[in-house]
Amino acid sequence: MTAPVPLLALVDVFVKCFTSPGFWHFRHFIIAHAAMWGVPHCVTETLRVTLWHHIRHWTTPYIFMRHGRWSCREVCQRLFRLIVKRLGLGLELIFAIDDTTVKKWGRHMFGLGYYPDPTDKNPGAARRKVLGHCWVVLALLWEKGPGKWFCFPLGALLFVPQAICSGPWVFQTKIELAVELLRRLVLCGRRVILVVDNLYAKAKLAQVELAGGTVTLISRLRSNAALYELPPPPRPHRKGRKPKRGEKVSARQLWRRRSQCQSLKVHIYGKTVTIRAFVGIIMPSPTLGDMPILAVIFPQRSGKKMNILFTTDLTMTPVRLLEVYAARFKIEDMFDELKTHGGFGDCRQRGFPAQKRHVTLCMVAYGLLRVLSLTVKNAEAIEAEPWWSPRGAPSVTRLRRAVAKALAISPSLWLDTKPQEIRTRSRAA
């Protein structure tokens, strides 16, 4: 296989994670995943694209996926170190955690459950559920410039419903899986900012303790969430326990306090907008713990409900809070790319080890392409068409085309669903 040299240099960083024959299988999978789009990223298609079946028996990639002696955790940690080194990240790292659903079916497929489909926009979609896998994913967010955010996947764990957990498989909630993903990282004294949606705004995630790092949580609350004033100062000579919270208030009552409202000019979602919002330190409901939070409250577009964004870092500026939370949407864009062109849910094997390793390889291939698109110095040298060189760094899709061209893959391959030898044999019959 002859792939672009910058991509091969990034793949070679993982050589210590595998045995000697296992690394060549890993190299084959990464290059194949980086070159494919428009077709399922299953083992058979990777063999077809790279002609690996002419070198190894066609069953060996399946053995590598099911019984290979390599760890997904170690590979993800090596990817994290590579991204930190190539991008030159400092002592502050921003992570995002969210879950995504992949449609699956089959009697013997492991870990299937029924989940709502957020991509279904038809009437009654909220009441319908689809059968599939739910993966809790950890990603790294990086701001290249003002408002220019990029997302890198770092790891994923499968959420298995409690109803089907049996034998040695121990049930874990999505919050527990998120905590496990965070604790797997080796942070080396870095400060961590964790951005999550309101479903992950829980005390267990807000108070997680990491070896060599501190965590600041940024999230939002429901519009009708219970909020409280700060506890009053203790009265002298009063017996009893010190109150943890003050008087209960609503989000709209806080927003009506004009003395605590500020005019914030923020750059979110590619636009610069001015928001009139309440900014203050309050106490949340007990589900988030007993620590005070810095809240930013302002009405939604409809005016009927309120947006409640918060952080556990009381010294953070409200503008920074809004901009970092808006960057969380990049993980949704990453899910779309991984599912559409990255083969995130295309594994045809039924067992859990193969499913998890397939997801890991897809994330590594996407992460390497994203790193290459942001760090390559001579973009014209790896372009698919020399005459087409638009401004800016090459996108992940353009890099996929470049890898496919280096492998001499014809674009007609994506339109032909059957190999040539099979079609010829059927005609002869």
Protein backbone atom coordinates (compact mmCIF):
# COMPACT_ATOMS: atom_id res chain seq x y z
CA MET A 1 0.00 0.00 0.00
CA THR A 2 1.32 3.42 -0.98
CA ALA A 3 -0.38 6.16 1.00
CA PRO A 4 0.70 9.81 1.43
CA VAL A 5 3.93 9.98 3.41
CA PRO A 6 2.58 12.38 6.11
CA LEU A 7 -0.23 9.93 6.91
CA LEU A 8 2.18 6.99 7.10
CA ALA A 9 4.37 8.95 9.51
CA LEU A 10 1.40 9.45 11.83
CA VAL A 11 0.43 5.76 11.63
CA ASP A 12 3.96 4.67 12.55
CA VAL A 13 3.59 6.35 15.95
CA PHE A 14 1.35 3.43 17.05
CA VAL A 15 3.92 0.72 16.31
CA LYS A 16 4.58 0.01 20.02
CA CYS A 17 0.90 -0.74 20.67
CA PHE A 18 0.96 -3.92 18.57
CA THR A 19 2.93 -7.01 17.82
CA SER A 20 4.84 -7.07 14.54
CA PRO A 21 2.13 -8.81 12.45
CA GLY A 22 -0.61 -6.96 14.33
CA PHE A 23 0.82 -3.56 13.39
CA TRP A 24 0.60 -4.38 9.68
CA HIS A 25 -3.06 -5.26 10.12
CA PHE A 26 -3.58 -2.00 12.03
CA ARG A 27 -1.77 -0.07 9.29
CA HIS A 28 -3.93 -1.70 6.65
CA PHE A 29 -7.17 -0.87 8.48
CA ILE A 30 -6.23 2.78 9.14
CA ILE A 31 -5.21 3.46 5.54
CA ALA A 32 -8.31 1.69 4.23
CA HIS A 33 -10.61 3.64 6.57
CA ALA A 34 -8.88 6.88 5.56
CA ALA A 35 -9.40 6.17 1.85
CA MET A 36 -13.02 4.99 1.90
CA TRP A 37 -16.21 6.98 1.68
CA GLY A 38 -19.60 6.09 0.33
CA VAL A 39 -19.24 2.35 1.04
CA PRO A 40 -19.49 0.34 4.29
CA HIS A 41 -16.22 0.25 6.25
CA CYS A 42 -16.50 -3.46 6.99
CA VAL A 43 -13.60 -5.91 6.85
CA THR A 44 -14.56 -7.20 3.40
CA GLU A 45 -14.55 -3.71 1.88
CA THR A 46 -11.17 -2.86 3.42
CA LEU A 47 -9.71 -6.00 1.83
CA ARG A 48 -11.28 -5.06 -1.48
CA VAL A 49 -9.90 -1.51 -1.44
CA THR A 50 -6.32 -2.27 -0.45
CA LEU A 51 -6.07 -5.75 -2.10
CA TRP A 52 -4.84 -7.06 1.26
CA HIS A 53 -6.36 -10.48 0.53
CA HIS A 54 -3.60 -11.04 -2.03
CA ILE A 55 -1.04 -10.83 0.80
CA ARG A 56 -2.83 -12.36 3.79
CA HIS A 57 -5.61 -14.90 4.05
CA TRP A 58 -9.00 -13.19 4.14
CA THR A 59 -9.79 -14.63 7.61
CA THR A 60 -6.78 -13.07 9.37
CA PRO A 61 -8.29 -9.55 9.61
CA TYR A 62 -11.28 -11.04 11.42
CA ILE A 63 -8.94 -12.79 13.86
CA PHE A 64 -7.10 -9.50 14.38
CA MET A 65 -10.37 -7.77 15.25
CA ARG A 66 -11.65 -10.46 17.61
CA HIS A 67 -8.57 -12.00 19.24
CA GLY A 68 -5.68 -9.64 18.46
CA ARG A 69 -3.32 -8.83 21.33
CA TRP A 70 -3.81 -5.08 21.48
CA SER A 71 -5.64 -2.67 23.74
CA CYS A 72 -8.11 -0.01 22.59
CA ARG A 73 -7.28 1.98 25.70
CA GLU A 74 -3.57 2.09 24.86
CA VAL A 75 -4.25 3.05 21.24
CA CYS A 76 -6.56 5.91 22.30
CA GLN A 77 -3.98 7.14 24.80
CA ARG A 78 -1.30 7.15 22.09
CA LEU A 79 -3.67 9.11 19.83
CA PHE A 80 -4.22 11.64 22.63
CA ARG A 81 -0.48 12.13 23.08
CA LEU A 82 -0.01 12.53 19.34
CA ILE A 83 -2.70 15.23 19.12
CA VAL A 84 -1.32 17.14 22.13
CA LYS A 85 2.21 17.05 20.70
CA ARG A 86 1.32 17.96 17.09
CA LEU A 87 -1.00 20.83 18.04
CA GLY A 88 1.25 22.10 20.83
CA LEU A 89 -1.52 22.23 23.43
CA GLY A 90 -0.85 23.96 26.73
CA LEU A 91 -1.85 23.24 30.29
CA GLU A 92 -5.58 23.73 29.64
CA LEU A 93 -7.50 21.07 27.74
CA ILE A 94 -11.16 21.18 26.72
CA PHE A 95 -13.06 17.90 26.41
CA ALA A 96 -16.61 17.11 25.36
CA ILE A 97 -18.62 14.01 26.22
CA ASP A 98 -21.80 12.92 24.52
CA ASP A 99 -23.49 9.73 23.33
CA THR A 100 -24.55 8.73 19.85
CA THR A 101 -26.79 5.97 18.54
CA VAL A 102 -25.91 3.57 15.73
CA LYS A 103 -28.66 1.49 14.16
CA LYS A 104 -28.03 -2.26 14.41
CA TRP A 105 -30.10 -5.39 14.15
CA GLY A 106 -29.59 -9.12 14.45
CA ARG A 107 -30.52 -11.84 16.90
CA HIS A 108 -26.99 -12.45 18.15
CA MET A 109 -25.68 -8.87 18.04
CA PHE A 110 -24.29 -7.92 21.45
CA GLY A 111 -25.55 -4.96 23.47
CA LEU A 112 -28.58 -3.93 21.44
CA GLY A 113 -31.17 -1.60 22.93
CA TYR A 114 -33.95 0.76 21.92
CA TYR A 115 -33.04 4.45 21.82
CA PRO A 116 -34.61 7.63 20.41
CA ASP A 117 -33.32 8.70 17.00
CA PRO A 118 -32.38 12.43 17.03
CA THR A 119 -32.02 12.43 13.23
CA ASP A 120 -35.69 11.50 12.71
CA LYS A 121 -37.61 14.72 12.02
CA ASN A 122 -40.91 13.10 11.06
CA PRO A 123 -44.07 13.62 13.14
CA GLY A 124 -44.16 11.41 16.21
CA ALA A 125 -40.40 10.84 16.24
CA ALA A 126 -40.22 11.50 19.99
CA ARG A 127 -42.36 8.43 20.66
CA ARG A 128 -40.46 6.11 18.31
CA LYS A 129 -37.23 4.32 19.16
CA VAL A 130 -34.71 2.50 17.01
CA LEU A 131 -32.77 -0.69 17.72
CA GLY A 132 -29.04 -0.26 17.91
CA HIS A 133 -25.93 0.56 19.95
CA CYS A 134 -25.39 3.62 22.13
CA TRP A 135 -21.76 4.75 22.42
CA VAL A 136 -20.54 7.26 25.01
CA VAL A 137 -17.74 9.19 23.29
CA LEU A 138 -14.97 11.41 24.68
CA ALA A 139 -13.58 14.07 22.33
CA LEU A 140 -10.99 16.84 22.51
CA LEU A 141 -11.96 20.38 21.48
CA TRP A 142 -9.30 22.76 20.14
CA GLU A 143 -9.67 26.40 19.16
CA LYS A 144 -7.33 27.23 16.29
CA GLY A 145 -8.49 30.83 16.10
CA PRO A 146 -11.31 33.02 17.39
CA GLY A 147 -14.44 30.95 16.83
CA LYS A 148 -12.64 28.21 14.81
CA TRP A 149 -13.08 24.99 16.77
CA PHE A 150 -12.09 21.46 15.82
CA CYS A 151 -13.00 18.13 17.43
CA PHE A 152 -10.89 14.98 17.83
CA PRO A 153 -12.37 11.66 19.07
CA LEU A 154 -10.37 9.99 21.83
CA GLY A 155 -12.37 7.03 23.07
CA ALA A 156 -15.76 5.35 23.25
CA LEU A 157 -17.52 2.92 25.58
CA LEU A 158 -20.66 0.94 24.83
CA PHE A 159 -23.71 1.55 26.99
CA VAL A 160 -25.56 -1.73 27.59
CA PRO A 161 -29.12 -1.55 28.97
CA GLN A 162 -29.57 -3.03 32.42
CA ALA A 163 -32.27 -5.41 31.19
CA ILE A 164 -29.79 -7.38 29.06
CA CYS A 165 -26.77 -7.26 31.40
CA SER A 166 -25.99 -10.78 32.49
CA GLY A 167 -23.03 -12.88 33.53
CA PRO A 168 -19.73 -11.02 33.92
CA TRP A 169 -21.02 -7.83 32.28
CA VAL A 170 -21.68 -5.25 35.01
CA PHE A 171 -24.23 -2.56 34.30
CA GLN A 172 -22.86 1.01 34.14
CA THR A 173 -24.81 4.19 33.62
CA LYS A 174 -23.77 6.73 31.01
CA ILE A 175 -22.41 8.98 33.76
CA GLU A 176 -20.22 6.15 35.06
CA LEU A 177 -18.97 5.45 31.55
CA ALA A 178 -18.13 9.14 31.12
CA VAL A 179 -16.17 9.14 34.37
CA GLU A 180 -14.27 6.03 33.27
CA LEU A 181 -13.34 7.67 29.96
CA LEU A 182 -11.96 10.69 31.79
CA ARG A 183 -9.95 8.65 34.28
CA ARG A 184 -8.28 6.73 31.48
CA LEU A 185 -6.44 9.84 30.30
CA VAL A 186 -2.93 10.62 31.53
CA LEU A 187 -3.14 14.39 31.98
CA CYS A 188 0.22 15.18 33.63
CA GLY A 189 -1.03 18.07 35.78
CA ARG A 190 -3.18 19.75 33.12
CA ARG A 191 -6.37 21.64 33.82
CA VAL A 192 -9.44 20.04 32.27
CA ILE A 193 -12.57 21.84 31.10
CA LEU A 194 -15.38 19.37 30.46
CA VAL A 195 -18.31 20.44 28.27
CA VAL A 196 -21.44 18.28 28.37
CA ASP A 197 -25.15 18.50 27.69
CA ASN A 198 -27.74 18.74 30.45
CA LEU A 199 -28.18 14.95 30.62
CA TYR A 200 -24.59 14.68 31.92
CA ALA A 201 -24.83 17.58 34.38
CA LYS A 202 -24.64 15.38 37.47
CA ALA A 203 -22.71 15.56 40.73
CA LYS A 204 -20.68 12.43 39.99
CA LEU A 205 -19.23 14.04 36.85
CA ALA A 206 -18.87 17.52 38.36
CA GLN A 207 -16.90 16.22 41.34
CA VAL A 208 -14.75 13.64 39.56
CA GLU A 209 -11.15 13.51 40.75
CA LEU A 210 -8.45 12.86 38.16
CA ALA A 211 -4.87 11.86 38.82
CA GLY A 212 -2.72 14.88 38.05
CA GLY A 213 -5.51 17.19 36.91
CA THR A 214 -8.52 19.24 37.99
CA VAL A 215 -11.91 19.33 36.27
CA THR A 216 -14.14 22.31 35.51
CA LEU A 217 -17.63 21.41 34.32
CA ILE A 218 -19.53 23.52 31.77
CA SER A 219 -23.09 22.54 30.95
CA ARG A 220 -26.68 23.72 30.97
CA LEU A 221 -29.74 23.00 33.09
CA ARG A 222 -33.36 22.48 32.21
CA SER A 223 -35.41 25.64 31.88
CA ASN A 224 -37.47 24.62 34.91
CA ALA A 225 -34.53 23.48 37.04
CA ALA A 226 -34.62 24.22 40.75
CA LEU A 227 -32.25 27.07 41.67
CA TYR A 228 -31.41 28.49 45.09
CA GLU A 229 -29.79 31.54 46.58
CA LEU A 230 -26.49 31.24 48.39
CA PRO A 231 -26.91 30.10 52.01
CA PRO A 232 -27.27 32.97 54.49
CA PRO A 233 -24.47 33.59 56.98
CA PRO A 234 -24.85 31.57 60.19
CA ARG A 235 -26.54 33.31 63.08
CA PRO A 236 -24.60 33.52 66.34
CA HIS A 237 -25.60 31.13 69.10
CA ARG A 238 -27.90 29.19 66.74
CA LYS A 239 -27.96 25.44 67.12
CA GLY A 240 -28.40 22.96 64.30
CA ARG A 241 -26.81 22.21 60.98
CA LYS A 242 -25.69 25.04 58.74
CA PRO A 243 -28.04 25.38 55.74
CA LYS A 244 -26.55 24.44 52.39
CA ARG A 245 -28.93 26.50 50.29
CA GLY A 246 -30.87 29.68 50.58
CA GLU A 247 -34.28 30.64 49.24
CA LYS A 248 -35.58 28.85 46.15
CA VAL A 249 -35.89 31.00 43.02
CA SER A 250 -36.76 30.41 39.36
CA ALA A 251 -34.63 31.26 36.36
CA ARG A 252 -37.04 33.95 35.19
CA GLN A 253 -36.99 35.63 38.60
CA LEU A 254 -33.21 35.84 38.44
CA TRP A 255 -33.25 37.23 34.90
CA ARG A 256 -35.61 40.00 36.00
CA ARG A 257 -33.00 41.31 38.43
CA ARG A 258 -31.74 44.12 36.23
CA SER A 259 -28.96 45.02 38.64
CA GLN A 260 -27.27 41.67 37.99
CA CYS A 261 -27.81 41.60 34.23
CA GLN A 262 -24.97 42.23 31.80
CA SER A 263 -24.71 42.86 28.07
CA LEU A 264 -22.44 40.13 26.65
CA LYS A 265 -20.91 40.27 23.16
CA VAL A 266 -20.01 36.71 22.18
CA HIS A 267 -18.89 34.92 19.02
CA ILE A 268 -20.87 31.68 18.74
CA TYR A 269 -21.88 29.48 15.81
CA GLY A 270 -19.97 31.69 13.37
CA LYS A 271 -21.78 34.89 14.39
CA THR A 272 -21.14 37.75 16.77
CA VAL A 273 -24.23 38.42 18.87
CA THR A 274 -25.07 40.54 21.88
CA ILE A 275 -26.95 38.83 24.73
CA ARG A 276 -28.59 40.45 27.72
CA ALA A 277 -28.20 37.89 30.50
CA PHE A 278 -28.19 37.43 34.25
CA VAL A 279 -24.73 36.64 35.60
CA GLY A 280 -24.34 35.51 39.18
CA ILE A 281 -23.31 32.81 41.64
CA ILE A 282 -26.13 30.57 42.82
CA MET A 283 -26.71 27.11 44.25
CA PRO A 284 -28.04 24.30 42.00
CA SER A 285 -30.33 21.41 42.87
CA PRO A 286 -28.87 18.51 44.92
CA THR A 287 -28.46 16.41 41.74
CA LEU A 288 -25.48 18.62 40.87
CA GLY A 289 -23.96 18.56 44.33
CA ASP A 290 -23.53 21.14 47.07
CA MET A 291 -21.02 23.42 45.34
CA PRO A 292 -21.95 26.92 44.08
CA ILE A 293 -22.00 27.55 40.33
CA LEU A 294 -21.60 30.57 38.08
CA ALA A 295 -24.81 30.82 36.05
CA VAL A 296 -25.64 32.75 32.89
CA ILE A 297 -29.40 32.99 32.30
CA PHE A 298 -31.20 34.51 29.31
CA PRO A 299 -34.46 33.75 27.44
CA GLN A 300 -34.68 31.55 24.39
CA ARG A 301 -35.80 32.86 21.02
CA SER A 302 -39.42 32.01 21.69
CA GLY A 303 -39.29 33.86 25.00
CA LYS A 304 -41.28 31.13 26.76
CA LYS A 305 -38.33 29.25 28.25
CA MET A 306 -34.98 30.24 29.72
CA ASN A 307 -31.45 29.12 28.87
CA ILE A 308 -29.44 28.27 32.00
CA LEU A 309 -25.73 27.77 31.35
CA PHE A 310 -23.32 27.27 34.22
CA THR A 311 -19.75 26.42 35.16
CA THR A 312 -18.18 25.18 38.37
CA ASP A 313 -15.30 27.66 37.91
CA LEU A 314 -16.51 30.80 39.66
CA THR A 315 -13.69 32.91 38.17
CA MET A 316 -14.54 32.18 34.53
CA THR A 317 -15.85 35.08 32.47
CA PRO A 318 -19.44 34.71 31.18
CA VAL A 319 -18.30 35.32 27.58
CA ARG A 320 -15.83 32.43 27.83
CA LEU A 321 -18.56 30.24 29.31
CA LEU A 322 -20.94 30.89 26.40
CA GLU A 323 -18.28 30.43 23.71
CA VAL A 324 -16.94 27.16 25.13
CA TYR A 325 -20.41 25.71 25.53
CA ALA A 326 -21.29 26.69 21.95
CA ALA A 327 -18.18 24.80 20.81
CA ARG A 328 -19.73 21.60 22.19
CA PHE A 329 -21.79 21.36 19.00
CA LYS A 330 -18.59 20.35 17.16
CA ILE A 331 -18.93 16.87 18.64
CA GLU A 332 -22.26 16.57 16.80
CA ASP A 333 -20.51 17.49 13.54
CA MET A 334 -17.88 14.86 14.32
CA PHE A 335 -20.60 12.23 14.84
CA ASP A 336 -22.10 13.15 11.48
CA GLU A 337 -18.75 12.76 9.68
CA LEU A 338 -17.91 9.51 11.46
CA LYS A 339 -21.28 7.95 10.61
CA THR A 340 -21.53 9.32 7.06
CA HIS A 341 -17.99 8.86 5.76
CA GLY A 342 -16.01 7.33 8.62
CA GLY A 343 -17.79 3.98 8.95
CA PHE A 344 -18.51 4.37 12.69
CA GLY A 345 -21.47 1.98 12.60
CA ASP A 346 -20.49 -0.29 9.68
CA CYS A 347 -19.08 -3.24 11.63
CA ARG A 348 -20.71 -6.51 10.54
CA GLN A 349 -19.23 -8.67 13.29
CA ARG A 350 -21.50 -9.53 16.21
CA GLY A 351 -19.16 -9.84 19.18
CA PHE A 352 -18.31 -6.97 21.49
CA PRO A 353 -14.48 -7.05 21.07
CA ALA A 354 -14.76 -6.64 17.30
CA GLN A 355 -17.42 -3.93 17.64
CA LYS A 356 -15.31 -1.89 20.07
CA ARG A 357 -12.12 -2.27 18.04
CA HIS A 358 -13.89 -1.28 14.84
CA VAL A 359 -15.13 1.91 16.53
CA THR A 360 -11.62 2.61 17.85
CA LEU A 361 -10.01 2.19 14.41
CA CYS A 362 -12.60 4.50 12.83
CA MET A 363 -11.90 7.18 15.44
CA VAL A 364 -8.12 6.83 15.02
CA ALA A 365 -8.38 7.15 11.23
CA TYR A 366 -10.58 10.24 11.53
CA GLY A 367 -8.33 11.75 14.22
CA LEU A 368 -5.19 11.28 12.12
CA LEU A 369 -6.85 12.85 9.09
CA ARG A 370 -7.99 15.80 11.19
CA VAL A 371 -4.49 16.28 12.65
CA LEU A 372 -2.98 16.03 9.18
CA SER A 373 -5.39 18.62 7.79
CA LEU A 374 -4.39 21.12 10.49
CA THR A 375 -0.63 20.51 10.56
CA VAL A 376 0.36 19.72 6.97
CA LYS A 377 2.66 22.42 5.56
CA ASN A 378 2.55 21.58 1.85
CA ALA A 379 -1.11 20.90 1.15
CA GLU A 380 -0.60 20.91 -2.63
CA ALA A 381 1.67 17.86 -2.39
CA ILE A 382 -1.14 15.62 -1.13
CA GLU A 383 -4.12 17.09 -3.00
CA ALA A 384 -6.21 14.68 -5.05
CA GLU A 385 -6.18 17.07 -8.04
CA PRO A 386 -3.16 19.39 -8.45
CA TRP A 387 -5.24 21.90 -10.39
CA TRP A 388 -7.70 22.28 -7.50
CA SER A 389 -6.12 24.01 -4.51
CA PRO A 390 -8.67 26.08 -2.57
CA ARG A 391 -7.61 28.35 0.25
CA GLY A 392 -7.09 27.08 3.73
CA ALA A 393 -6.13 23.72 5.13
CA PRO A 394 -7.44 20.63 3.31
CA SER A 395 -10.59 19.16 4.81
CA VAL A 396 -10.93 15.57 5.97
CA THR A 397 -12.93 14.67 2.86
CA ARG A 398 -10.27 16.12 0.55
CA LEU A 399 -7.65 14.09 2.40
CA ARG A 400 -9.73 10.95 1.90
CA ARG A 401 -9.72 11.62 -1.83
CA ALA A 402 -5.96 12.13 -1.75
CA VAL A 403 -5.40 8.81 0.04
CA ALA A 404 -7.70 7.06 -2.45
CA LYS A 405 -5.74 8.54 -5.34
CA ALA A 406 -2.43 7.44 -3.81
CA LEU A 407 -3.81 3.91 -3.56
CA ALA A 408 -4.91 4.10 -7.22
CA ILE A 409 -8.55 3.55 -6.30
CA SER A 410 -10.90 4.38 -9.14
CA PRO A 411 -13.97 6.50 -8.28
CA SER A 412 -16.09 3.90 -10.08
CA LEU A 413 -15.30 1.47 -7.25
CA TRP A 414 -17.78 3.29 -4.99
CA LEU A 415 -20.50 2.76 -7.59
CA ASP A 416 -19.76 -0.89 -8.20
CA THR A 417 -21.18 -2.96 -5.36
CA LYS A 418 -19.73 -6.27 -6.55
CA PRO A 419 -16.08 -7.13 -7.28
CA GLN A 420 -15.24 -7.61 -10.93
CA GLU A 421 -14.32 -11.28 -10.61
CA ILE A 422 -17.70 -12.14 -9.04
CA ARG A 423 -19.66 -10.37 -11.78
CA THR A 424 -17.63 -12.10 -14.50
CA ARG A 425 -18.20 -15.50 -12.91
CA SER A 426 -21.97 -14.95 -12.69
CA ARG A 427 -22.15 -13.98 -16.37
CA ALA A 428 -20.17 -17.08 -17.42
CA ALA A 429 -22.59 -19.27 -15.52
